[in-house]
């Protein structure tokens, strides 16, 4: 046999061997790919059970309790989130309607009596096709709901009325942070930073009187941060102009612990909505 033919014969045998090896399954499965409950040889391993049933039950209860505790825990940020929602809820419950406010009136299963949008006129009234002109200035949303329910009962059996305050255009100021009664204040008179803080019940024991920020939102969209040292004002060490006069749409933030600083509060869900509501009367 020639050298060339010998070489081709050896090469063919080598390739055939490699192909055979590639096609033959491995006798062992890598440890990382062994199915749960099986041994490396493929045998099913019996599931091990604890002989201490009482201990197993205790562990299960402990794990369940831990999981439930973790799920029900409220972080400081979530707590602040709930605080902002509470501020909005209280405002809507106590807010008194005025000119320029926008409402939605819905009567369940009575689309002809419902109004998607109705504005309070400059004289403080709204107009309904069925009920005519109604004076609503000075009423809360709940009071108007009760009145409409009574009025509609002459035409509908057991009417169910829903009222949504879409826009509130009265001058508003927000006071949040380490304050006794965080909330939204309606400006019925000129107010300073100290006036707003006193109106909201004063600064809590955890609040920093020397660290108060007024967040001002001009119509051009460029927010302005004004730092106010209320401690100096209370000690009569501040100049009169340091107790700045507030403008409609301002938000007074009283700083406190790590979780009640402007940086933390601004990341809370609902904070941007609150600022928009205060400054522009939006929902």
Protein backbone atom coordinates (compact mmCIF):
# COMPACT_ATOMS: atom_id res chain seq x y z
CA UNK A 1 0.00 0.00 0.00
CA UNK A 2 1.37 3.42 -0.93
CA UNK A 3 2.10 6.09 1.68
CA UNK A 4 -0.74 8.30 0.30
CA UNK A 5 -3.34 5.52 0.57
CA UNK A 6 -2.12 4.61 4.10
CA UNK A 7 -2.50 8.21 5.22
CA UNK A 8 -6.09 8.43 3.85
CA UNK A 9 -7.02 5.12 5.49
CA UNK A 10 -5.76 6.28 8.97
CA UNK A 11 -7.52 9.63 8.61
CA UNK A 12 -10.83 7.92 7.77
CA UNK A 13 -10.60 5.70 10.85
CA UNK A 14 -9.82 8.71 13.10
CA UNK A 15 -12.79 10.72 11.79
CA UNK A 16 -15.12 7.74 12.17
CA UNK A 17 -14.02 7.36 15.80
CA UNK A 18 -14.62 11.05 16.56
CA UNK A 19 -18.12 10.97 15.05
CA UNK A 20 -18.95 7.85 17.04
CA UNK A 21 -17.83 9.48 20.27
CA UNK A 22 -19.88 12.61 19.52
CA UNK A 23 -23.04 10.57 18.91
CA UNK A 24 -22.67 8.34 21.99
CA UNK A 25 -24.48 9.80 25.11
CA UNK A 26 -22.30 10.47 28.10
CA UNK A 27 -22.63 7.89 30.79
CA UNK A 28 -22.78 10.63 33.44
CA UNK A 29 -24.84 13.79 33.60
CA UNK A 30 -23.00 16.89 34.90
CA UNK A 31 -23.95 17.68 38.48
CA UNK A 32 -25.40 21.06 37.50
CA UNK A 33 -27.88 19.38 35.12
CA UNK A 34 -29.05 16.51 37.35
CA UNK A 35 -32.81 16.81 37.86
CA UNK A 36 -33.95 17.43 41.40
CA UNK A 37 -34.51 14.18 43.29
CA UNK A 38 -32.23 12.04 41.08
CA UNK A 39 -28.80 10.57 41.66
CA UNK A 40 -25.99 11.04 39.08
CA UNK A 41 -26.87 7.59 37.72
CA UNK A 42 -30.45 8.63 37.01
CA UNK A 43 -32.02 6.77 39.94
CA UNK A 44 -34.83 8.57 41.75
CA UNK A 45 -33.76 9.45 45.28
CA UNK A 46 -36.55 9.02 47.88
CA UNK A 47 -37.69 12.35 49.37
CA UNK A 48 -36.44 12.79 52.89
CA UNK A 49 -39.02 13.60 55.52
CA UNK A 50 -38.44 15.09 58.90
CA UNK A 51 -38.98 12.74 61.83
CA UNK A 52 -39.76 15.74 64.06
CA UNK A 53 -43.22 16.71 62.84
CA UNK A 54 -43.70 19.27 65.56
CA UNK A 55 -40.46 21.02 64.65
CA UNK A 56 -41.33 20.97 60.96
CA UNK A 57 -44.69 22.56 61.70
CA UNK A 58 -43.05 25.22 63.82
CA UNK A 59 -40.56 26.03 61.08
CA UNK A 60 -43.34 26.27 58.51
CA UNK A 61 -45.30 28.64 60.70
CA UNK A 62 -42.22 30.73 61.35
CA UNK A 63 -41.43 30.99 57.64
CA UNK A 64 -45.05 31.92 56.89
CA UNK A 65 -45.05 34.54 59.60
CA UNK A 66 -41.77 35.97 58.34
CA UNK A 67 -43.12 36.18 54.81
CA UNK A 68 -46.34 37.82 55.97
CA UNK A 69 -44.39 40.27 58.10
CA UNK A 70 -42.15 41.21 55.20
CA UNK A 71 -45.12 41.66 52.90
CA UNK A 72 -47.02 43.80 55.40
CA UNK A 73 -44.07 45.94 56.47
CA UNK A 74 -44.29 49.63 55.57
CA UNK A 75 -41.07 51.36 54.69
CA UNK A 76 -40.52 55.03 55.63
CA UNK A 77 -40.94 56.00 51.97
CA UNK A 78 -44.25 54.12 51.76
CA UNK A 79 -45.35 55.78 54.99
CA UNK A 80 -44.70 59.19 53.46
CA UNK A 81 -46.58 58.06 50.38
CA UNK A 82 -49.60 57.29 52.53
CA UNK A 83 -49.19 60.68 54.19
CA UNK A 84 -49.41 62.52 50.88
CA UNK A 85 -52.51 60.55 49.89
CA UNK A 86 -54.05 61.45 53.24
CA UNK A 87 -53.31 65.13 52.62
CA UNK A 88 -55.11 64.95 49.28
CA UNK A 89 -58.06 63.07 50.77
CA UNK A 90 -58.52 65.54 53.63
CA UNK A 91 -58.33 68.46 51.23
CA UNK A 92 -61.04 67.05 48.97
CA UNK A 93 -63.24 66.37 51.99
CA UNK A 94 -62.97 69.88 53.42
CA UNK A 95 -62.46 72.00 50.30
CA UNK A 96 -65.24 74.52 49.64
CA UNK A 97 -66.19 75.11 46.04
CA UNK A 98 -65.55 78.45 44.39
CA UNK A 99 -65.52 80.18 40.99
CA UNK A 100 -63.46 78.40 38.34
CA UNK A 101 -63.61 74.97 39.96
CA UNK A 102 -64.50 72.06 37.65
CA UNK A 103 -66.69 69.11 38.65
CA UNK A 104 -67.93 65.84 37.20
CA UNK A 105 -71.43 64.78 38.17
CA UNK A 106 -72.51 61.20 37.50
CA UNK A 107 -75.87 59.64 38.30
CA UNK A 108 -75.70 55.85 38.24
CA UNK A 109 -77.52 54.39 35.19
CA UNK A 110 -78.76 57.86 34.25
CA UNK A 111 -76.42 59.21 31.55
CA UNK A 112 -78.88 61.97 30.60
CA UNK A 113 -78.57 63.44 34.09
CA UNK A 114 -74.78 63.10 34.25
CA UNK A 115 -72.27 65.83 33.37
CA UNK A 116 -68.67 65.01 32.45
CA UNK A 117 -67.48 68.57 33.06
CA UNK A 118 -69.23 71.52 34.67
CA UNK A 119 -67.52 74.76 35.73
CA UNK A 120 -68.46 76.86 38.71
CA UNK A 121 -69.35 80.29 37.29
CA UNK A 122 -67.76 83.55 38.48
CA UNK A 123 -70.83 84.08 40.69
CA UNK A 124 -70.47 80.62 42.27
CA UNK A 125 -73.16 78.61 40.49
CA UNK A 126 -73.45 75.63 38.13
CA UNK A 127 -76.14 74.84 35.56
CA UNK A 128 -77.84 71.49 35.11
CA UNK A 129 -80.29 70.82 32.25
CA UNK A 130 -82.80 69.19 34.59
CA UNK A 131 -82.32 71.14 37.81
CA UNK A 132 -81.45 74.53 36.37
CA UNK A 133 -79.01 76.95 38.03
CA UNK A 134 -77.71 76.00 41.46
CA UNK A 135 -75.60 78.03 43.89
CA UNK A 136 -72.67 75.85 45.03
CA UNK A 137 -70.07 78.37 46.24
CA UNK A 138 -68.97 77.59 49.79
CA UNK A 139 -70.24 74.00 49.70
CA UNK A 140 -68.06 70.93 50.13
CA UNK A 141 -68.25 68.17 47.53
CA UNK A 142 -70.09 65.95 50.02
CA UNK A 143 -72.65 68.67 50.76
CA UNK A 144 -73.29 69.14 47.05
CA UNK A 145 -73.65 65.37 46.64
CA UNK A 146 -76.31 65.26 49.35
CA UNK A 147 -78.19 68.16 47.80
CA UNK A 148 -78.13 66.64 44.31
CA UNK A 149 -79.27 63.28 45.68
CA UNK A 150 -82.29 65.01 47.21
CA UNK A 151 -83.01 66.97 44.02
CA UNK A 152 -82.71 63.93 41.72
CA UNK A 153 -84.97 61.83 43.99
CA UNK A 154 -87.94 63.73 42.52
CA UNK A 155 -87.15 62.20 39.12
CA UNK A 156 -85.23 58.98 39.90
CA UNK A 157 -85.97 56.25 42.43
CA UNK A 158 -83.11 55.98 44.96
CA UNK A 159 -80.57 57.94 42.88
CA UNK A 160 -76.86 57.19 43.37
CA UNK A 161 -74.78 60.29 42.76
CA UNK A 162 -71.00 60.55 42.33
CA UNK A 163 -69.15 63.87 42.26
CA UNK A 164 -65.49 64.29 41.38
CA UNK A 165 -63.54 67.50 41.96
CA UNK A 166 -61.52 67.72 38.76
CA UNK A 167 -59.92 71.13 39.28
CA UNK A 168 -59.68 73.42 42.31
CA UNK A 169 -58.67 76.93 41.38
CA UNK A 170 -58.69 78.68 44.73
CA UNK A 171 -55.26 79.85 45.90
CA UNK A 172 -53.60 76.95 47.76
CA UNK A 173 -50.44 76.34 49.79
CA UNK A 174 -49.01 72.94 50.76
CA UNK A 175 -47.36 72.30 54.14
CA UNK A 176 -45.70 68.89 54.50
CA UNK A 177 -42.84 67.15 56.31
CA UNK A 178 -42.38 67.22 60.10
CA UNK A 179 -45.51 69.25 60.75
CA UNK A 180 -48.36 68.53 63.18
CA UNK A 181 -51.12 68.59 60.54
CA UNK A 182 -49.65 68.23 57.05
CA UNK A 183 -52.10 69.47 54.48
CA UNK A 184 -53.24 71.97 51.89
CA UNK A 185 -54.21 75.43 53.10
CA UNK A 186 -56.55 77.77 51.26
CA UNK A 187 -55.18 81.31 51.18
CA UNK A 188 -57.96 83.54 52.49
CA UNK A 189 -55.46 86.27 53.39
CA UNK A 190 -51.80 87.13 52.77
CA UNK A 191 -49.62 84.56 54.53
CA UNK A 192 -45.96 84.19 55.49
CA UNK A 193 -43.99 80.99 56.06
CA UNK A 194 -44.59 81.25 59.81
CA UNK A 195 -48.33 81.82 59.26
CA UNK A 196 -48.59 78.63 57.19
CA UNK A 197 -46.64 76.58 59.74
CA UNK A 198 -48.84 77.84 62.59
CA UNK A 199 -51.96 77.15 60.53
CA UNK A 200 -50.77 73.55 60.14
CA UNK A 201 -50.28 73.07 63.88
CA UNK A 202 -46.59 73.92 64.16
CA UNK A 203 -43.37 71.95 63.74
CA UNK A 204 -43.12 68.56 65.47
CA UNK A 205 -40.39 67.67 67.97
CA UNK A 206 -38.54 65.83 65.17
CA UNK A 207 -38.66 68.81 62.83
CA UNK A 208 -35.71 71.11 62.22
CA UNK A 209 -36.78 74.72 62.67
CA UNK A 210 -33.58 75.84 61.01
CA UNK A 211 -34.21 73.68 57.93
CA UNK A 212 -37.40 74.76 56.18
CA UNK A 213 -37.69 74.94 52.39
CA UNK A 214 -40.25 76.79 50.30
CA UNK A 215 -40.70 75.16 46.90
CA UNK A 216 -42.00 77.78 44.47
CA UNK A 217 -43.26 76.84 41.01
CA UNK A 218 -43.55 79.80 38.66
CA UNK A 219 -45.64 79.48 35.51
CA UNK A 220 -42.48 79.26 33.38
CA UNK A 221 -41.78 75.83 34.88
CA UNK A 222 -38.48 76.74 36.60
CA UNK A 223 -38.89 75.67 40.22
CA UNK A 224 -37.23 77.76 42.90
CA UNK A 225 -36.02 76.57 46.32
CA UNK A 226 -36.01 79.15 49.11
CA UNK A 227 -34.37 78.19 52.40
CA UNK A 228 -35.91 79.69 55.54
CA UNK A 229 -34.51 79.55 59.09
CA UNK A 230 -37.69 79.57 61.15
CA UNK A 231 -35.68 79.21 64.35
CA UNK A 232 -34.17 82.66 63.79
CA UNK A 233 -37.63 84.06 63.10
CA UNK A 234 -39.05 82.60 66.33
CA UNK A 235 -36.07 83.94 68.29
CA UNK A 236 -36.64 87.39 66.76
CA UNK A 237 -33.14 87.33 65.27
CA UNK A 238 -34.24 87.36 61.63
CA UNK A 239 -34.87 90.32 59.38
CA UNK A 240 -38.54 90.92 58.48
CA UNK A 241 -37.96 89.85 54.88
CA UNK A 242 -36.64 86.43 56.02
CA UNK A 243 -40.21 85.46 56.97
CA UNK A 244 -41.06 85.46 53.29
CA UNK A 245 -44.55 86.11 51.98
CA UNK A 246 -46.01 83.02 50.35
CA UNK A 247 -47.54 82.87 46.92
CA UNK A 248 -50.36 80.69 45.64
CA UNK A 249 -48.89 77.31 44.69
CA UNK A 250 -45.99 77.39 47.18
CA UNK A 251 -45.17 74.24 49.16
CA UNK A 252 -43.57 74.57 52.59
CA UNK A 253 -41.41 71.56 53.50
CA UNK A 254 -40.24 71.13 57.10
CA UNK A 255 -37.18 68.89 57.14
CA UNK A 256 -36.70 66.24 59.80
CA UNK A 257 -35.07 62.82 59.92
CA UNK A 258 -33.41 61.06 57.00
CA UNK A 259 -36.74 60.09 55.48
CA UNK A 260 -38.32 63.55 55.68
CA UNK A 261 -35.92 65.68 53.73
CA UNK A 262 -36.68 67.31 50.40
CA UNK A 263 -34.52 64.74 48.59
CA UNK A 264 -36.48 61.83 50.06
CA UNK A 265 -39.94 63.40 49.89
CA UNK A 266 -39.48 64.32 46.23
CA UNK A 267 -39.05 60.63 45.35
CA UNK A 268 -42.30 59.58 47.02
CA UNK A 269 -45.08 58.44 44.74
CA UNK A 270 -47.69 61.18 44.46
CA UNK A 271 -45.36 64.08 45.29
CA UNK A 272 -45.35 65.45 41.73
CA UNK A 273 -49.14 65.12 41.57
CA UNK A 274 -49.44 67.02 44.84
CA UNK A 275 -47.27 69.88 43.55
CA UNK A 276 -49.27 70.08 40.33
CA UNK A 277 -52.52 70.12 42.26
CA UNK A 278 -51.33 72.93 44.54
CA UNK A 279 -49.80 75.09 41.83
CA UNK A 280 -52.27 74.64 38.98
CA UNK A 281 -55.43 73.23 40.48
CA UNK A 282 -55.15 70.00 38.49
CA UNK A 283 -56.34 66.60 39.63
